[in-house]
Amino acid sequence: MSQGRRVVVSVIAIAVSVGLAGCGAANRGGDTTCGDYLAMSSGEQTAVIEKHYADKGKTSPSNGEISMARASAVLYCRTAGSDSSPIKNIDG
């Protein structure tokens, strides 16, 4: 393998590793911080809420429950919460 090709393969491997690590780290369910949560796409926010429910033992929340929890998390984060506040605070 040529030197240039090795460099390209190495860069791709590092980029994939960093990308995967970043995705996994951001979805910490209810422990996801408001700063991270508000920076996420709606799909990522839904995944965080689903993990939060699963962590609490509720594996099949309805779409309505998920939508309400997403809206509650956004409202909490934009009012009472700070960037470092976990979204699980919406529960209490």
N, C-alpha and C. Protein backbone atom coordinates (compact mmCIF):
# COMPACT_ATOMS: atom_id res chain seq x y z
N MET A 1 0.86 -1.17 0.00
CA MET A 1 0.00 0.00 0.00
C MET A 1 0.90 1.23 0.00
N SER A 2 0.57 2.21 -0.82
CA SER A 2 1.38 3.42 -0.91
C SER A 2 1.21 4.29 0.33
N GLN A 3 2.17 5.17 0.54
CA GLN A 3 2.13 6.07 1.70
C GLN A 3 0.88 6.94 1.68
N GLY A 4 0.53 7.48 0.52
CA GLY A 4 -0.66 8.33 0.41
C GLY A 4 -1.93 7.57 0.74
N ARG A 5 -1.99 6.34 0.27
CA ARG A 5 -3.18 5.52 0.52
C ARG A 5 -3.29 5.19 2.01
N ARG A 6 -2.16 4.92 2.67
CA ARG A 6 -2.18 4.65 4.11
C ARG A 6 -2.68 5.85 4.90
N VAL A 7 -2.27 7.01 4.47
CA VAL A 7 -2.70 8.23 5.15
C VAL A 7 -4.22 8.39 5.01
N VAL A 8 -4.74 8.19 3.82
CA VAL A 8 -6.18 8.31 3.57
C VAL A 8 -6.94 7.29 4.42
N VAL A 9 -6.49 6.05 4.43
CA VAL A 9 -7.16 5.01 5.22
C VAL A 9 -7.11 5.37 6.71
N SER A 10 -5.98 5.87 7.18
CA SER A 10 -5.85 6.25 8.58
C SER A 10 -6.79 7.40 8.94
N VAL A 11 -6.87 8.39 8.07
CA VAL A 11 -7.75 9.54 8.32
C VAL A 11 -9.21 9.09 8.36
N ILE A 12 -9.60 8.22 7.45
CA ILE A 12 -10.97 7.72 7.42
C ILE A 12 -11.26 6.92 8.70
N ALA A 13 -10.35 6.08 9.10
CA ALA A 13 -10.55 5.28 10.31
C ALA A 13 -10.70 6.18 11.55
N ILE A 14 -9.90 7.20 11.64
CA ILE A 14 -9.99 8.12 12.78
C ILE A 14 -11.31 8.88 12.74
N ALA A 15 -11.70 9.34 11.57
CA ALA A 15 -12.96 10.09 11.46
C ALA A 15 -14.16 9.24 11.85
N VAL A 16 -14.17 7.99 11.42
CA VAL A 16 -15.27 7.09 11.76
C VAL A 16 -15.28 6.83 13.26
N SER A 17 -14.12 6.60 13.85
CA SER A 17 -14.04 6.36 15.29
C SER A 17 -14.54 7.55 16.09
N VAL A 18 -14.11 8.72 15.73
CA VAL A 18 -14.54 9.93 16.44
C VAL A 18 -16.04 10.14 16.24
N GLY A 19 -16.53 9.95 15.04
CA GLY A 19 -17.95 10.13 14.77
C GLY A 19 -18.81 9.17 15.57
N LEU A 20 -18.42 7.92 15.62
CA LEU A 20 -19.19 6.94 16.38
C LEU A 20 -19.11 7.21 17.87
N ALA A 21 -17.97 7.60 18.35
CA ALA A 21 -17.83 7.90 19.77
C ALA A 21 -18.69 9.10 20.14
N GLY A 22 -18.73 10.10 19.27
CA GLY A 22 -19.54 11.28 19.55
C GLY A 22 -21.02 10.96 19.59
N CYS A 23 -21.49 10.13 18.68
CA CYS A 23 -22.91 9.78 18.65
C CYS A 23 -23.31 9.01 19.91
N GLY A 24 -22.50 8.06 20.29
CA GLY A 24 -22.83 7.27 21.46
C GLY A 24 -22.77 8.07 22.74
N ALA A 25 -21.86 9.00 22.82
CA ALA A 25 -21.69 9.79 24.04
C ALA A 25 -22.83 10.76 24.23
N ALA A 26 -23.38 11.30 23.16
CA ALA A 26 -24.42 12.31 23.27
C ALA A 26 -25.73 11.74 23.79
N ASN A 27 -26.06 10.50 23.43
CA ASN A 27 -27.33 9.92 23.87
C ASN A 27 -27.11 9.17 25.17
N ARG A 28 -27.25 9.90 26.26
CA ARG A 28 -27.12 9.31 27.58
C ARG A 28 -28.49 9.25 28.26
N GLY A 29 -29.53 9.18 27.43
CA GLY A 29 -30.88 9.12 27.99
C GLY A 29 -31.14 10.34 28.86
N GLY A 30 -31.69 10.13 30.04
CA GLY A 30 -32.01 11.22 30.95
C GLY A 30 -30.82 11.98 31.46
N ASP A 31 -29.63 11.42 31.34
CA ASP A 31 -28.42 12.11 31.77
C ASP A 31 -27.85 13.04 30.69
N THR A 32 -28.49 13.06 29.53
CA THR A 32 -28.09 13.98 28.46
C THR A 32 -28.30 15.41 28.97
N THR A 33 -27.33 16.26 28.78
CA THR A 33 -27.45 17.62 29.27
C THR A 33 -28.31 18.46 28.33
N CYS A 34 -28.84 19.52 28.88
CA CYS A 34 -29.65 20.44 28.07
C CYS A 34 -28.85 21.00 26.90
N GLY A 35 -27.59 21.34 27.14
CA GLY A 35 -26.76 21.87 26.06
C GLY A 35 -26.66 20.89 24.90
N ASP A 36 -26.43 19.63 25.22
CA ASP A 36 -26.34 18.61 24.17
C ASP A 36 -27.71 18.39 23.52
N TYR A 37 -28.75 18.31 24.34
CA TYR A 37 -30.09 18.02 23.85
C TYR A 37 -30.59 19.07 22.87
N LEU A 38 -30.40 20.34 23.23
CA LEU A 38 -30.88 21.41 22.36
C LEU A 38 -30.11 21.50 21.05
N ALA A 39 -28.90 20.96 21.02
CA ALA A 39 -28.10 20.97 19.79
C ALA A 39 -28.43 19.80 18.86
N MET A 40 -29.26 18.88 19.31
CA MET A 40 -29.59 17.68 18.54
C MET A 40 -30.71 17.93 17.53
N SER A 41 -30.74 17.08 16.52
CA SER A 41 -31.86 17.07 15.58
C SER A 41 -33.07 16.47 16.28
N SER A 42 -34.24 16.62 15.69
CA SER A 42 -35.45 16.06 16.30
C SER A 42 -35.36 14.54 16.42
N GLY A 43 -34.75 13.88 15.45
CA GLY A 43 -34.58 12.44 15.52
C GLY A 43 -33.68 12.01 16.65
N GLU A 44 -32.61 12.76 16.87
CA GLU A 44 -31.70 12.47 17.98
C GLU A 44 -32.39 12.72 19.31
N GLN A 45 -33.19 13.79 19.39
CA GLN A 45 -33.92 14.07 20.62
C GLN A 45 -34.90 12.94 20.93
N THR A 46 -35.57 12.44 19.89
CA THR A 46 -36.50 11.32 20.08
C THR A 46 -35.76 10.11 20.61
N ALA A 47 -34.58 9.82 20.07
CA ALA A 47 -33.79 8.68 20.54
C ALA A 47 -33.40 8.84 22.00
N VAL A 48 -33.07 10.06 22.41
CA VAL A 48 -32.71 10.32 23.81
C VAL A 48 -33.91 10.07 24.71
N ILE A 49 -35.08 10.57 24.31
CA ILE A 49 -36.29 10.37 25.11
C ILE A 49 -36.64 8.89 25.19
N GLU A 50 -36.53 8.16 24.08
CA GLU A 50 -36.80 6.72 24.10
C GLU A 50 -35.85 6.00 25.04
N LYS A 51 -34.57 6.38 25.03
CA LYS A 51 -33.60 5.75 25.94
C LYS A 51 -33.93 6.11 27.38
N HIS A 52 -34.34 7.34 27.62
CA HIS A 52 -34.72 7.77 28.96
C HIS A 52 -35.88 6.92 29.47
N TYR A 53 -36.89 6.71 28.64
CA TYR A 53 -38.01 5.85 29.03
C TYR A 53 -37.53 4.41 29.28
N ALA A 54 -36.69 3.90 28.39
CA ALA A 54 -36.19 2.53 28.54
C ALA A 54 -35.39 2.38 29.84
N ASP A 55 -34.58 3.38 30.16
CA ASP A 55 -33.79 3.34 31.39
C ASP A 55 -34.69 3.31 32.63
N LYS A 56 -35.88 3.89 32.50
CA LYS A 56 -36.84 3.88 33.60
C LYS A 56 -37.73 2.64 33.58
N GLY A 57 -37.51 1.74 32.60
CA GLY A 57 -38.26 0.50 32.53
C GLY A 57 -39.48 0.55 31.63
N LYS A 58 -39.71 1.64 30.96
CA LYS A 58 -40.85 1.76 30.05
C LYS A 58 -40.34 1.62 28.62
N THR A 59 -40.53 0.43 28.05
CA THR A 59 -39.94 0.13 26.75
C THR A 59 -40.83 0.47 25.56
N SER A 60 -42.11 0.76 25.77
CA SER A 60 -42.99 1.05 24.64
C SER A 60 -43.82 2.31 24.88
N PRO A 61 -43.17 3.47 25.03
CA PRO A 61 -43.96 4.68 25.21
C PRO A 61 -44.70 5.02 23.92
N SER A 62 -45.86 5.61 24.06
CA SER A 62 -46.64 6.00 22.87
C SER A 62 -45.98 7.20 22.19
N ASN A 63 -46.36 7.44 20.95
CA ASN A 63 -45.83 8.60 20.24
C ASN A 63 -46.20 9.89 20.96
N GLY A 64 -47.40 9.93 21.55
CA GLY A 64 -47.82 11.10 22.31
C GLY A 64 -46.94 11.34 23.52
N GLU A 65 -46.61 10.27 24.24
CA GLU A 65 -45.73 10.40 25.41
C GLU A 65 -44.35 10.92 25.00
N ILE A 66 -43.85 10.39 23.89
CA ILE A 66 -42.54 10.82 23.41
C ILE A 66 -42.59 12.29 23.01
N SER A 67 -43.63 12.69 22.28
CA SER A 67 -43.77 14.09 21.85
C SER A 67 -43.88 15.02 23.05
N MET A 68 -44.67 14.64 24.04
CA MET A 68 -44.82 15.48 25.24
C MET A 68 -43.51 15.58 26.01
N ALA A 69 -42.78 14.47 26.13
CA ALA A 69 -41.50 14.49 26.84
C ALA A 69 -40.48 15.34 26.09
N ARG A 70 -40.47 15.25 24.76
CA ARG A 70 -39.56 16.09 23.97
C ARG A 70 -39.86 17.56 24.20
N ALA A 71 -41.14 17.91 24.13
CA ALA A 71 -41.53 19.31 24.34
C ALA A 71 -41.21 19.75 25.77
N SER A 72 -41.43 18.88 26.74
CA SER A 72 -41.13 19.21 28.14
C SER A 72 -39.64 19.44 28.33
N ALA A 73 -38.82 18.60 27.69
CA ALA A 73 -37.37 18.75 27.82
C ALA A 73 -36.91 20.07 27.22
N VAL A 74 -37.45 20.42 26.06
CA VAL A 74 -37.08 21.69 25.43
C VAL A 74 -37.50 22.87 26.31
N LEU A 75 -38.73 22.82 26.80
CA LEU A 75 -39.22 23.90 27.66
C LEU A 75 -38.37 24.02 28.93
N TYR A 76 -38.09 22.88 29.57
CA TYR A 76 -37.25 22.88 30.77
C TYR A 76 -35.87 23.48 30.47
N CYS A 77 -35.26 23.02 29.38
CA CYS A 77 -33.91 23.46 29.06
C CYS A 77 -33.85 24.95 28.72
N ARG A 78 -34.92 25.47 28.14
CA ARG A 78 -34.93 26.88 27.76
C ARG A 78 -35.38 27.81 28.88
N THR A 79 -35.87 27.25 29.98
CA THR A 79 -36.34 28.10 31.08
C THR A 79 -35.55 27.81 32.35
N ALA A 80 -35.90 26.78 33.07
CA ALA A 80 -35.31 26.49 34.37
C ALA A 80 -33.94 25.83 34.30
N GLY A 81 -33.68 25.07 33.25
CA GLY A 81 -32.42 24.34 33.15
C GLY A 81 -31.28 25.19 32.64
N SER A 82 -30.08 24.67 32.84
CA SER A 82 -28.88 25.29 32.28
C SER A 82 -28.26 24.30 31.31
N ASP A 83 -27.22 24.72 30.62
CA ASP A 83 -26.57 23.82 29.65
C ASP A 83 -26.11 22.52 30.28
N SER A 84 -25.76 22.55 31.56
CA SER A 84 -25.25 21.34 32.22
C SER A 84 -26.33 20.53 32.96
N SER A 85 -27.57 21.00 32.93
CA SER A 85 -28.66 20.28 33.60
C SER A 85 -29.06 19.05 32.81
N PRO A 86 -29.23 17.91 33.48
CA PRO A 86 -29.69 16.70 32.77
C PRO A 86 -31.19 16.80 32.46
N ILE A 87 -31.60 16.28 31.33
CA ILE A 87 -33.01 16.38 30.96
C ILE A 87 -33.91 15.52 31.83
N LYS A 88 -33.34 14.59 32.59
CA LYS A 88 -34.18 13.77 33.47
C LYS A 88 -34.86 14.62 34.52
N ASN A 89 -34.43 15.85 34.70
CA ASN A 89 -35.06 16.75 35.65
C ASN A 89 -36.50 17.09 35.24
N ILE A 90 -36.91 16.78 34.03
CA ILE A 90 -38.28 17.05 33.60
C ILE A 90 -39.24 16.13 34.37
N ASP A 91 -38.73 15.06 34.95
CA ASP A 91 -39.58 14.10 35.66
C ASP A 91 -39.95 14.56 37.05
N GLY A 92 -39.27 15.50 37.59
CA GLY A 92 -39.56 15.83 38.97
C GLY A 92 -39.54 17.24 39.22
